[in-house]
Structure formats: C-alpha cells, structure tokens
C-alpha atoms as a PDB file:
ATOM      1  CA  UNK A   1     -21.662   1.222  -8.565  1.00  0.00           C
ATOM      2  CA  UNK A   2     -22.520   4.878  -8.047  1.00  0.00           C
ATOM      3  CA  UNK A   3     -19.816   7.520  -8.422  1.00  0.00           C
ATOM      4  CA  UNK A   4     -20.576  10.387  -6.023  1.00  0.00           C
ATOM      5  CA  UNK A   5     -17.484  12.459  -6.798  1.00  0.00           C
ATOM      6  CA  UNK A   6     -14.106  12.263  -8.543  1.00  0.00           C
ATOM      7  CA  UNK A   7     -11.402  14.895  -8.720  1.00  0.00           C
ATOM      8  CA  UNK A   8      -7.699  15.688  -8.572  1.00  0.00           C
ATOM      9  CA  UNK A   9      -6.667  18.684  -6.467  1.00  0.00           C
ATOM     10  CA  UNK A  10      -3.437  20.239  -7.694  1.00  0.00           C
ATOM     11  CA  UNK A  11      -0.339  20.743  -5.578  1.00  0.00           C
ATOM     12  CA  UNK A  12      -0.800  24.239  -4.135  1.00  0.00           C
ATOM     13  CA  UNK A  13       2.922  25.092  -4.236  1.00  0.00           C
ATOM     14  CA  UNK A  14       3.807  23.925  -7.750  1.00  0.00           C
ATOM     15  CA  UNK A  15       0.715  25.683  -9.083  1.00  0.00           C
ATOM     16  CA  UNK A  16       1.909  28.892  -7.443  1.00  0.00           C
ATOM     17  CA  UNK A  17       5.012  28.872  -9.648  1.00  0.00           C
ATOM     18  CA  UNK A  18       3.725  27.069 -12.726  1.00  0.00           C
ATOM     19  CA  UNK A  19       0.050  26.581 -13.534  1.00  0.00           C
ATOM     20  CA  UNK A  20       1.061  24.110 -16.264  1.00  0.00           C
ATOM     21  CA  UNK A  21       3.067  21.842 -13.963  1.00  0.00           C
ATOM     22  CA  UNK A  22       2.492  18.174 -14.907  1.00  0.00           C
ATOM     23  CA  UNK A  23      -0.523  16.553 -13.265  1.00  0.00           C
ATOM     24  CA  UNK A  24       0.987  13.337 -11.958  1.00  0.00           C
ATOM     25  CA  UNK A  25      -2.185  12.065 -10.312  1.00  0.00           C
ATOM     26  CA  UNK A  26      -4.641  10.531 -12.771  1.00  0.00           C
ATOM     27  CA  UNK A  27      -7.923   8.668 -12.398  1.00  0.00           C
ATOM     28  CA  UNK A  28     -10.704   6.927 -14.259  1.00  0.00           C
ATOM     29  CA  UNK A  29     -14.141   5.998 -12.932  1.00  0.00           C
ATOM     30  CA  UNK A  30     -17.390   4.718 -14.391  1.00  0.00           C
ATOM     31  CA  UNK A  31     -20.144   2.379 -13.212  1.00  0.00           C
ATOM     32  CA  UNK A  32     -17.877  -0.643 -13.679  1.00  0.00           C
ATOM     33  CA  UNK A  33     -14.542   0.355 -12.140  1.00  0.00           C
ATOM     34  CA  UNK A  34     -12.680   3.155 -10.380  1.00  0.00           C
ATOM     35  CA  UNK A  35      -8.902   3.637 -10.368  1.00  0.00           C
ATOM     36  CA  UNK A  36      -6.484   6.241  -9.020  1.00  0.00           C
ATOM     37  CA  UNK A  37      -2.839   6.398 -10.101  1.00  0.00           C
ATOM     38  CA  UNK A  38      -0.134   8.522  -8.499  1.00  0.00           C
ATOM     39  CA  UNK A  39       2.953   8.955 -10.681  1.00  0.00           C
ATOM     40  CA  UNK A  40       6.317   8.694  -8.945  1.00  0.00           C
ATOM     41  CA  UNK A  41       8.026  12.094  -8.690  1.00  0.00           C
ATOM     42  CA  UNK A  42      10.985  12.551 -11.028  1.00  0.00           C
ATOM     43  CA  UNK A  43      14.376  14.069 -10.291  1.00  0.00           C
ATOM     44  CA  UNK A  44      14.793  17.571 -11.778  1.00  0.00           C
ATOM     45  CA  UNK A  45      17.154  17.692 -14.724  1.00  0.00           C
ATOM     46  CA  UNK A  46      20.611  19.201 -14.367  1.00  0.00           C
ATOM     47  CA  UNK A  47      20.486  20.365 -10.736  1.00  0.00           C
ATOM     48  CA  UNK A  48      21.110  18.633  -7.427  1.00  0.00           C
ATOM     49  CA  UNK A  49      18.319  17.677  -5.060  1.00  0.00           C
ATOM     50  CA  UNK A  50      19.839  19.982  -2.455  1.00  0.00           C
ATOM     51  CA  UNK A  51      19.314  22.888  -4.860  1.00  0.00           C
ATOM     52  CA  UNK A  52      15.675  21.866  -5.272  1.00  0.00           C
ATOM     53  CA  UNK A  53      15.105  22.226  -1.539  1.00  0.00           C
ATOM     54  CA  UNK A  54      16.798  25.602  -1.437  1.00  0.00           C
ATOM     55  CA  UNK A  55      15.096  26.976  -4.545  1.00  0.00           C
ATOM     56  CA  UNK A  56      11.763  25.370  -5.333  1.00  0.00           C
ATOM     57  CA  UNK A  57      11.108  27.738  -8.217  1.00  0.00           C
ATOM     58  CA  UNK A  58      14.354  26.629  -9.873  1.00  0.00           C
ATOM     59  CA  UNK A  59      13.489  22.978  -9.263  1.00  0.00           C
ATOM     60  CA  UNK A  60      10.126  23.421 -10.970  1.00  0.00           C
ATOM     61  CA  UNK A  61      11.800  25.111 -13.926  1.00  0.00           C
ATOM     62  CA  UNK A  62      14.141  22.103 -14.273  1.00  0.00           C
ATOM     63  CA  UNK A  63      11.436  19.469 -13.813  1.00  0.00           C
ATOM     64  CA  UNK A  64      11.183  17.098 -16.811  1.00  0.00           C
ATOM     65  CA  UNK A  65       8.519  17.914 -19.415  1.00  0.00           C
ATOM     66  CA  UNK A  66       6.809  15.747 -20.334  1.00  0.00           C
ATOM     67  CA  UNK A  67       6.871  14.050 -16.960  1.00  0.00           C
ATOM     68  CA  UNK A  68       7.427  10.307 -16.954  1.00  0.00           C
ATOM     69  CA  UNK A  69       5.346  10.151 -13.792  1.00  0.00           C
ATOM     70  CA  UNK A  70       2.396  11.738 -15.573  1.00  0.00           C
ATOM     71  CA  UNK A  71       2.761   9.425 -18.562  1.00  0.00           C
ATOM     72  CA  UNK A  72       2.877   6.325 -16.351  1.00  0.00           C
ATOM     73  CA  UNK A  73      -0.181   7.397 -14.344  1.00  0.00           C
ATOM     74  CA  UNK A  74      -2.082   8.159 -17.550  1.00  0.00           C
ATOM     75  CA  UNK A  75      -1.198   4.686 -18.808  1.00  0.00           C
ATOM     76  CA  UNK A  76      -2.887   3.123 -15.787  1.00  0.00           C
ATOM     77  CA  UNK A  77      -6.028   5.228 -16.175  1.00  0.00           C
ATOM     78  CA  UNK A  78      -6.179   4.491 -19.900  1.00  0.00           C
ATOM     79  CA  UNK A  79      -5.688   0.755 -19.402  1.00  0.00           C
ATOM     80  CA  UNK A  80      -8.591   0.570 -16.964  1.00  0.00           C
ATOM     81  CA  UNK A  81     -10.752   2.706 -19.231  1.00  0.00           C
ATOM     82  CA  UNK A  82     -10.160   0.725 -22.413  1.00  0.00           C
ATOM     83  CA  UNK A  83      -8.965  -2.729 -21.332  1.00  0.00           C
ATOM     84  CA  UNK A  84     -10.562  -3.567 -17.977  1.00  0.00           C
ATOM     85  CA  UNK A  85     -10.765  -7.348 -17.934  1.00  0.00           C
ATOM     86  CA  UNK A  86     -13.149  -7.655 -14.994  1.00  0.00           C
ATOM     87  CA  UNK A  87     -10.168  -8.649 -12.837  1.00  0.00           C
ATOM     88  CA  UNK A  88      -8.478  -5.752 -11.033  1.00  0.00           C
ATOM     89  CA  UNK A  89      -5.070  -7.330 -10.484  1.00  0.00           C
ATOM     90  CA  UNK A  90      -4.961  -8.687 -14.019  1.00  0.00           C
ATOM     91  CA  UNK A  91      -5.723  -5.226 -15.423  1.00  0.00           C
ATOM     92  CA  UNK A  92      -3.098  -3.634 -13.183  1.00  0.00           C
ATOM     93  CA  UNK A  93      -0.524  -6.122 -14.491  1.00  0.00           C
ATOM     94  CA  UNK A  94      -1.567  -5.182 -18.023  1.00  0.00           C
ATOM     95  CA  UNK A  95      -1.018  -1.513 -17.133  1.00  0.00           C
ATOM     96  CA  UNK A  96       2.431  -2.404 -15.803  1.00  0.00           C
ATOM     97  CA  UNK A  97       3.239  -4.108 -19.101  1.00  0.00           C
ATOM     98  CA  UNK A  98       2.156  -0.971 -20.960  1.00  0.00           C
ATOM     99  CA  UNK A  99       4.454   1.113 -18.738  1.00  0.00           C
ATOM    100  CA  UNK A 100       7.268  -1.283 -19.641  1.00  0.00           C
ATOM    101  CA  UNK A 101       6.757  -0.260 -23.281  1.00  0.00           C
ATOM    102  CA  UNK A 102       7.018   3.394 -22.244  1.00  0.00           C
ATOM    103  CA  UNK A 103      10.309   2.715 -20.497  1.00  0.00           C
ATOM    104  CA  UNK A 104      11.702   0.763 -23.435  1.00  0.00           C
ATOM    105  CA  UNK A 105      11.033   3.856 -25.537  1.00  0.00           C
ATOM    106  CA  UNK A 106      12.127   6.625 -23.169  1.00  0.00           C
ATOM    107  CA  UNK A 107      14.483   5.027 -20.611  1.00  0.00           C
ATOM    108  CA  UNK A 108      16.818   2.663 -22.469  1.00  0.00           C
ATOM    109  CA  UNK A 109      19.328   2.818 -19.594  1.00  0.00           C
ATOM    110  CA  UNK A 110      18.059   3.291 -16.036  1.00  0.00           C
ATOM    111  CA  UNK A 111      20.339   5.081 -13.568  1.00  0.00           C
ATOM    112  CA  UNK A 112      17.668   5.409 -10.814  1.00  0.00           C
ATOM    113  CA  UNK A 113      18.169   9.186 -10.832  1.00  0.00           C
ATOM    114  CA  UNK A 114      17.297  11.515 -13.716  1.00  0.00           C
ATOM    115  CA  UNK A 115      16.857   8.429 -15.887  1.00  0.00           C
ATOM    116  CA  UNK A 116      14.883   6.364 -13.424  1.00  0.00           C
ATOM    117  CA  UNK A 117      12.106   4.172 -14.774  1.00  0.00           C
ATOM    118  CA  UNK A 118       8.794   5.910 -15.390  1.00  0.00           C
ATOM    119  CA  UNK A 119       6.501   4.617 -12.678  1.00  0.00           C
ATOM    120  CA  UNK A 120       3.341   5.001 -10.687  1.00  0.00           C
ATOM    121  CA  UNK A 121       1.430   3.469  -7.812  1.00  0.00           C
ATOM    122  CA  UNK A 122      -2.296   2.816  -7.990  1.00  0.00           C
ATOM    123  CA  UNK A 123      -5.493   1.586  -6.362  1.00  0.00           C
ATOM    124  CA  UNK A 124      -8.595   0.235  -8.086  1.00  0.00           C
ATOM    125  CA  UNK A 125     -11.984  -1.093  -7.039  1.00  0.00           C
ATOM    126  CA  UNK A 126     -15.462  -2.070  -8.105  1.00  0.00           C
ATOM    127  CA  UNK A 127     -18.646  -3.122  -6.319  1.00  0.00           C
ATOM    128  CA  UNK A 128     -20.840  -6.028  -7.331  1.00  0.00           C
ATOM    129  CA  UNK A 129     -23.646  -7.774  -5.431  1.00  0.00           C
ATOM    130  CA  UNK A 130     -22.757  -6.093  -2.135  1.00  0.00           C
ATOM    131  CA  UNK A 131     -19.085  -7.084  -2.455  1.00  0.00           C
ATOM    132  CA  UNK A 132     -16.230  -4.595  -2.746  1.00  0.00           C
ATOM    133  CA  UNK A 133     -13.346  -5.899  -4.853  1.00  0.00           C
ATOM    134  CA  UNK A 134     -10.047  -4.053  -4.632  1.00  0.00           C
ATOM    135  CA  UNK A 135      -6.427  -4.114  -5.775  1.00  0.00           C
ATOM    136  CA  UNK A 136      -3.629  -1.702  -4.968  1.00  0.00           C
ATOM    137  CA  UNK A 137       0.115  -1.250  -4.942  1.00  0.00           C
ATOM    138  CA  UNK A 138       2.117   0.778  -2.417  1.00  0.00           C
ATOM    139  CA  UNK A 139       0.494   3.903  -0.949  1.00  0.00           C
ATOM    140  CA  UNK A 140      -2.580   4.558  -3.061  1.00  0.00           C
ATOM    141  CA  UNK A 141      -5.491   3.008  -1.225  1.00  0.00           C
ATOM    142  CA  UNK A 142      -9.115   2.289  -0.443  1.00  0.00           C
ATOM    143  CA  UNK A 143     -10.973   3.145   2.759  1.00  0.00           C
ATOM    144  CA  UNK A 144     -14.548   2.239   3.731  1.00  0.00           C
ATOM    145  CA  UNK A 145     -16.749   4.054   6.284  1.00  0.00           C
ATOM    146  CA  UNK A 146     -20.033   2.937   7.779  1.00  0.00           C
ATOM    147  CA  UNK A 147     -23.045   5.257   8.058  1.00  0.00           C
ATOM    148  CA  UNK A 148     -21.730   6.652  11.353  1.00  0.00           C
ATOM    149  CA  UNK A 149     -18.273   7.430  10.003  1.00  0.00           C
ATOM    150  CA  UNK A 150     -16.516   4.471  11.586  1.00  0.00           C
ATOM    151  CA  UNK A 151     -13.686   3.066   9.488  1.00  0.00           C
ATOM    152  CA  UNK A 152     -14.472  -0.565   8.729  1.00  0.00           C
ATOM    153  CA  UNK A 153     -11.618  -1.181   6.283  1.00  0.00           C
ATOM    154  CA  UNK A 154      -8.471   0.499   4.965  1.00  0.00           C
ATOM    155  CA  UNK A 155      -5.649  -0.836   2.805  1.00  0.00           C
ATOM    156  CA  UNK A 156      -2.148  -0.856   4.250  1.00  0.00           C
ATOM    157  CA  UNK A 157       0.478   1.664   3.156  1.00  0.00           C
ATOM    158  CA  UNK A 158       3.360  -0.745   2.626  1.00  0.00           C
ATOM    159  CA  UNK A 159       5.828   1.992   1.726  1.00  0.00           C
ATOM    160  CA  UNK A 160       5.275   3.712   5.073  1.00  0.00           C
ATOM    161  CA  UNK A 161       4.915   0.656   7.300  1.00  0.00           C
ATOM    162  CA  UNK A 162       7.367  -1.787   5.742  1.00  0.00           C
ATOM    163  CA  UNK A 163      10.038   0.074   3.761  1.00  0.00           C
ATOM    164  CA  UNK A 164      10.392   3.497   5.365  1.00  0.00           C
ATOM    165  CA  UNK A 165      11.768   2.191   8.709  1.00  0.00           C
ATOM    166  CA  UNK A 166      14.744   0.795   6.791  1.00  0.00           C
ATOM    167  CA  UNK A 167      15.271   4.047   4.880  1.00  0.00           C
ATOM    168  CA  UNK A 168      15.802   5.795   8.208  1.00  0.00           C
ATOM    169  CA  UNK A 169      18.780   3.531   8.839  1.00  0.00           C
ATOM    170  CA  UNK A 170      20.548   4.472   5.618  1.00  0.00           C
ATOM    171  CA  UNK A 171      23.749   6.517   6.043  1.00  0.00           C
ATOM    172  CA  UNK A 172      22.613   9.025   3.389  1.00  0.00           C
ATOM    173  CA  UNK A 173      19.889  11.653   3.335  1.00  0.00           C
ATOM    174  CA  UNK A 174      17.388  11.797   0.469  1.00  0.00           C
ATOM    175  CA  UNK A 175      19.311  14.723  -1.061  1.00  0.00           C
ATOM    176  CA  UNK A 176      22.299  12.432  -1.589  1.00  0.00           C
ATOM    177  CA  UNK A 177      22.093  10.626  -4.939  1.00  0.00           C
ATOM    178  CA  UNK A 178      23.172   7.409  -3.243  1.00  0.00           C
ATOM    179  CA  UNK A 179      20.087   7.428  -1.027  1.00  0.00           C
ATOM    180  CA  UNK A 180      17.688   7.671  -3.957  1.00  0.00           C
ATOM    181  CA  UNK A 181      19.537   4.973  -5.900  1.00  0.00           C
ATOM    182  CA  UNK A 182      19.374   2.588  -2.936  1.00  0.00           C
ATOM    183  CA  UNK A 183      15.664   3.176  -2.373  1.00  0.00           C
ATOM    184  CA  UNK A 184      14.781   2.757  -6.039  1.00  0.00           C
ATOM    185  CA  UNK A 185      17.213  -0.006  -7.006  1.00  0.00           C
ATOM    186  CA  UNK A 186      17.322  -2.113  -3.844  1.00  0.00           C
ATOM    187  CA  UNK A 187      13.971  -1.529  -2.126  1.00  0.00           C
ATOM    188  CA  UNK A 188      11.569  -1.143  -5.048  1.00  0.00           C
ATOM    189  CA  UNK A 189      10.069  -4.292  -6.577  1.00  0.00           C
ATOM    190  CA  UNK A 190      12.935  -6.341  -5.154  1.00  0.00           C
ATOM    191  CA  UNK A 191      11.754  -9.738  -3.894  1.00  0.00           C
ATOM    192  CA  UNK A 192      15.260 -10.482  -2.589  1.00  0.00           C
ATOM    193  CA  UNK A 193      15.393  -7.585  -0.106  1.00  0.00           C
ATOM    194  CA  UNK A 194      14.783  -9.756   2.953  1.00  0.00           C
ATOM    195  CA  UNK A 195      15.106  -8.806   6.628  1.00  0.00           C
ATOM    196  CA  UNK A 196      14.168 -11.172   9.471  1.00  0.00           C
ATOM    197  CA  UNK A 197      12.592 -13.495   6.941  1.00  0.00           C
ATOM    198  CA  UNK A 198      10.336 -10.805   5.466  1.00  0.00           C
ATOM    199  CA  UNK A 199      10.519  -8.886   2.203  1.00  0.00           C
ATOM    200  CA  UNK A 200      10.903  -5.190   3.039  1.00  0.00           C
ATOM    201  CA  UNK A 201      10.610  -3.795  -0.481  1.00  0.00           C
ATOM    202  CA  UNK A 202       7.729  -1.650  -1.702  1.00  0.00           C
ATOM    203  CA  UNK A 203       6.005  -2.065  -5.034  1.00  0.00           C
ATOM    204  CA  UNK A 204       5.465   0.285  -7.970  1.00  0.00           C
ATOM    205  CA  UNK A 205       4.264  -0.099 -11.546  1.00  0.00           C
ATOM    206  CA  UNK A 206       7.553   0.558 -13.353  1.00  0.00           C
ATOM    207  CA  UNK A 207       7.264  -2.086 -16.033  1.00  0.00           C
ATOM    208  CA  UNK A 208       9.505  -4.417 -14.062  1.00  0.00           C
ATOM    209  CA  UNK A 209       8.043  -7.925 -14.071  1.00  0.00           C
ATOM    210  CA  UNK A 210       8.494  -8.283 -10.309  1.00  0.00           C
ATOM    211  CA  UNK A 211       6.006  -5.441  -9.721  1.00  0.00           C
ATOM    212  CA  UNK A 212       3.129  -7.907 -10.103  1.00  0.00           C
ATOM    213  CA  UNK A 213       4.132  -9.631  -6.858  1.00  0.00           C
ATOM    214  CA  UNK A 214       3.540  -6.387  -4.928  1.00  0.00           C
ATOM    215  CA  UNK A 215      -0.043  -5.877  -6.129  1.00  0.00           C
ATOM    216  CA  UNK A 216      -2.398  -6.690  -3.257  1.00  0.00           C
ATOM    217  CA  UNK A 217      -5.995  -7.713  -3.838  1.00  0.00           C
ATOM    218  CA  UNK A 218      -9.027  -8.721  -1.839  1.00  0.00           C
ATOM    219  CA  UNK A 219     -12.750  -8.362  -1.260  1.00  0.00           C
ATOM    220  CA  UNK A 220     -15.122  -7.515   1.563  1.00  0.00           C
ATOM    221  CA  UNK A 221     -18.890  -7.348   2.055  1.00  0.00           C
ATOM    222  CA  UNK A 222     -20.582  -3.957   1.870  1.00  0.00           C
ATOM    223  CA  UNK A 223     -23.819  -2.548   3.203  1.00  0.00           C
ATOM    224  CA  UNK A 224     -25.900  -0.098   1.184  1.00  0.00           C
ATOM    225  CA  UNK A 225     -25.018   2.789   3.488  1.00  0.00           C
ATOM    226  CA  UNK A 226     -21.248   2.218   3.371  1.00  0.00           C
ATOM    227  CA  UNK A 227     -19.143   4.888   1.674  1.00  0.00           C
ATOM    228  CA  UNK A 228     -15.984   3.978  -0.242  1.00  0.00           C
ATOM    229  CA  UNK A 229     -13.071   6.291  -1.007  1.00  0.00           C
ATOM    230  CA  UNK A 230     -10.294   5.484  -3.483  1.00  0.00           C
ATOM    231  CA  UNK A 231      -7.387   7.868  -2.921  1.00  0.00           C
ATOM    232  CA  UNK A 232      -3.818   8.833  -3.692  1.00  0.00           C
ATOM    233  CA  UNK A 233      -1.486   9.375  -0.742  1.00  0.00           C
ATOM    234  CA  UNK A 234      -1.967  13.147  -0.885  1.00  0.00           C
ATOM    235  CA  UNK A 235      -5.339  12.562   0.751  1.00  0.00           C
ATOM    236  CA  UNK A 236      -3.973  10.286   3.465  1.00  0.00           C
ATOM    237  CA  UNK A 237      -3.899  12.901   6.239  1.00  0.00           C
ATOM    238  CA  UNK A 238      -7.521  13.803   5.585  1.00  0.00           C
ATOM    239  CA  UNK A 239      -8.942  10.312   5.959  1.00  0.00           C
ATOM    240  CA  UNK A 240      -9.150  10.110   9.762  1.00  0.00           C
ATOM    241  CA  UNK A 241     -10.113  13.752  10.248  1.00  0.00           C
ATOM    242  CA  UNK A 242     -13.646  13.977  11.724  1.00  0.00           C
ATOM    243  CA  UNK A 243     -14.349  16.999   9.502  1.00  0.00           C
ATOM    244  CA  UNK A 244     -13.432  15.016   6.398  1.00  0.00           C
ATOM    245  CA  UNK A 245     -15.611  12.089   7.424  1.00  0.00           C
ATOM    246  CA  UNK A 246     -18.535  14.427   8.112  1.00  0.00           C
ATOM    247  CA  UNK A 247     -18.026  16.003   4.697  1.00  0.00           C
ATOM    248  CA  UNK A 248     -18.211  12.732   2.796  1.00  0.00           C
ATOM    249  CA  UNK A 249     -21.111  11.303   4.813  1.00  0.00           C
ATOM    250  CA  UNK A 250     -23.132  14.428   4.071  1.00  0.00           C
ATOM    251  CA  UNK A 251     -21.568  15.170   0.730  1.00  0.00           C
ATOM    252  CA  UNK A 252     -22.011  18.526  -0.916  1.00  0.00           C
ATOM    253  CA  UNK A 253     -19.575  19.282  -3.727  1.00  0.00           C
ATOM    254  CA  UNK A 254     -19.162  22.994  -3.048  1.00  0.00           C
ATOM    255  CA  UNK A 255     -18.678  22.573   0.691  1.00  0.00           C
ATOM    256  CA  UNK A 256     -16.311  19.641   0.213  1.00  0.00           C
ATOM    257  CA  UNK A 257     -14.047  21.446  -2.238  1.00  0.00           C
ATOM    258  CA  UNK A 258     -13.979  24.511  -0.023  1.00  0.00           C
ATOM    259  CA  UNK A 259     -13.001  22.352   2.954  1.00  0.00           C
ATOM    260  CA  UNK A 260     -10.204  20.581   1.035  1.00  0.00           C
ATOM    261  CA  UNK A 261      -8.689  23.825  -0.225  1.00  0.00           C
ATOM    262  CA  UNK A 262      -8.937  25.471   3.180  1.00  0.00           C
ATOM    263  CA  UNK A 263      -7.020  22.610   4.805  1.00  0.00           C
ATOM    264  CA  UNK A 264      -4.355  22.875   2.109  1.00  0.00           C
ATOM    265  CA  UNK A 265      -3.990  26.596   2.681  1.00  0.00           C
ATOM    266  CA  UNK A 266      -3.665  26.146   6.430  1.00  0.00           C
ATOM    267  CA  UNK A 267      -0.995  23.442   6.230  1.00  0.00           C
ATOM    268  CA  UNK A 268       0.559  22.673   2.860  1.00  0.00           C
ATOM    269  CA  UNK A 269       2.885  19.998   4.244  1.00  0.00           C
ATOM    270  CA  UNK A 270       0.040  17.823   5.487  1.00  0.00           C
ATOM    271  CA  UNK A 271      -2.802  18.706   3.138  1.00  0.00           C
ATOM    272  CA  UNK A 272      -1.631  20.702   0.120  1.00  0.00           C
ATOM    273  CA  UNK A 273       0.177  18.219  -2.095  1.00  0.00           C
ATOM    274  CA  UNK A 274      -1.386  16.817  -5.246  1.00  0.00           C
ATOM    275  CA  UNK A 275      -4.208  14.532  -4.189  1.00  0.00           C
ATOM    276  CA  UNK A 276      -6.953  12.550  -5.858  1.00  0.00           C
ATOM    277  CA  UNK A 277     -10.168  11.104  -4.525  1.00  0.00           C
ATOM    278  CA  UNK A 278     -13.006   9.031  -5.927  1.00  0.00           C
ATOM    279  CA  UNK A 279     -16.068   8.791  -3.674  1.00  0.00           C
ATOM    280  CA  UNK A 280     -18.485   5.952  -4.396  1.00  0.00           C
ATOM    281  CA  UNK A 281     -21.080   3.579  -3.009  1.00  0.00           C
ATOM    282  CA  UNK A 282     -23.194   0.704  -4.189  1.00  0.00           C
ATOM    283  CA  UNK A 283     -25.901   1.654  -6.669  1.00  0.00           C
ATOM    284  CA  UNK A 284     -29.219   2.388  -4.916  1.00  0.00           C
END
C-alpha cells in the first residue's frame, strides 16, 4: 500500500484565536494500515452553548484543556500504530476498549454535557492483493475514484442519513442542554432506539460496549489506477468537487495544499473546519 499524502488541516477559525487549540483530528498511516480519527467536540466549561455562538473567542477560552476529544482520537491512532491485529474491526474495538479506560479515569460520572464521555469516530483501511479492506464508524469515511475521477465507492455517513432526520424533530435546539443530552444519551450507541423497525442511532467510540455494533466493515476489488481517500467529515464537502478530484488524480503537494486552504478561506462553513485526509493507492 502506497501512501501518497497524509495531513490534518487545522480549523481556520479556532486557529485565528488560539494557535494551540487542541487538534481533535488524528491519523496514522504506514504501508500496512491507514486510519483517521475525528474526536467528538466537547462542551465548553462554565458557559452556555448560546454564549459560545455569540462569542466564539470566549468559547475557545473556556474549551477543555486537555481535550477529551483529542485524547480519544489519539488513542485510536496509537492503537492502530502499535496494536494492529490485521483485522480492522477488531483493532477498532480494541481502540474503543482503550477509550473506555480513559473514561474510567477522567469521566467517572457522565452527564452527556460538560462531563460527556470522551469519544471519537474513525475510518481505517488497508490494501492487499488488489482488495481494499475497510472499517468505519459514523461520519469518517473512505472514498474510491477510478482513473477518470468517477466515484466507484463511498462509505455511508450514518449520522447524516439515519440519525439527523430525527434530530430535526426534537423540540429543542442544539443550544438547549436537553437537545445535546438526548442526542448523546438516546441516539448514540443505543441499539434500542428503534423507529419503523430500524435502529436510528449513530455510533461512536466512547468506550461503551455497544459501540462495536456500529462499526461497519467490508471489502471491494481495486484496480492499480484507483485512488483511495480516507477522510474525516471536515473533508466531506470537497469529495465531489471536480477541482478536488482533479487535484488528487494529478497530485502535487504544493498545489493541493494551496487549493485546500483557498477553499477554506472562501467559505469557512463548508470547507474550513478541521479536516484530515490520507491519500493512497495500491503499491506499484
């Protein structure tokens, strides 16, 4: 497996106010395996979420340090680096167990708000004998392009497609503590949240045992000229952009990084959040 590129691009807004803001995207990649982990954003300490929207600088000042999201994402990267078993789902479950130890140490009582479980989502892959093996949970993902830039495979964002439609029906906005508690307590890793015979929860590696049931895995055949991208959700809006596809098919590091930063500057809301990408293909 050949790694063409790997990098985390920082959130352009948080970096504006604090260059030392926690990096809650983490990754690891070598010739055997590639993984991206996106830590779940924490509630600021001691101020309401409404205040965070009105005063982002104040929210950043009150953001927890160290960040549980960063620690959880680092745990995933470290587990794949040091304890990859050869089985992606098995290693992701091991990472979840390691995050459970973090939560036993730092979150003895979970309130789903400031003291929510440390957690992260993730996607991992490796290529062997022209087969792409993958595993992911929630909205980190894997996408595969052919030599002409046509998308031949992409993992499903279960948070967006399955859970979010139900969040829109809640009587509370995100700024209301009750909304965040419901999403995290009732819709995350909850196998009993059933609607029309289907589980409508999303998964996350929080150390909860039920998280393992939300890890998806699979495999698909690859051709030598296919390009594979492992990404955190901050890159999602780039993935179908013809400019992005052209950039990765004809990859040049300097041009690519310039393109990514330019898009973030033009539209922070769609392109400027923290985002991680690993670009790879089968070894020549």
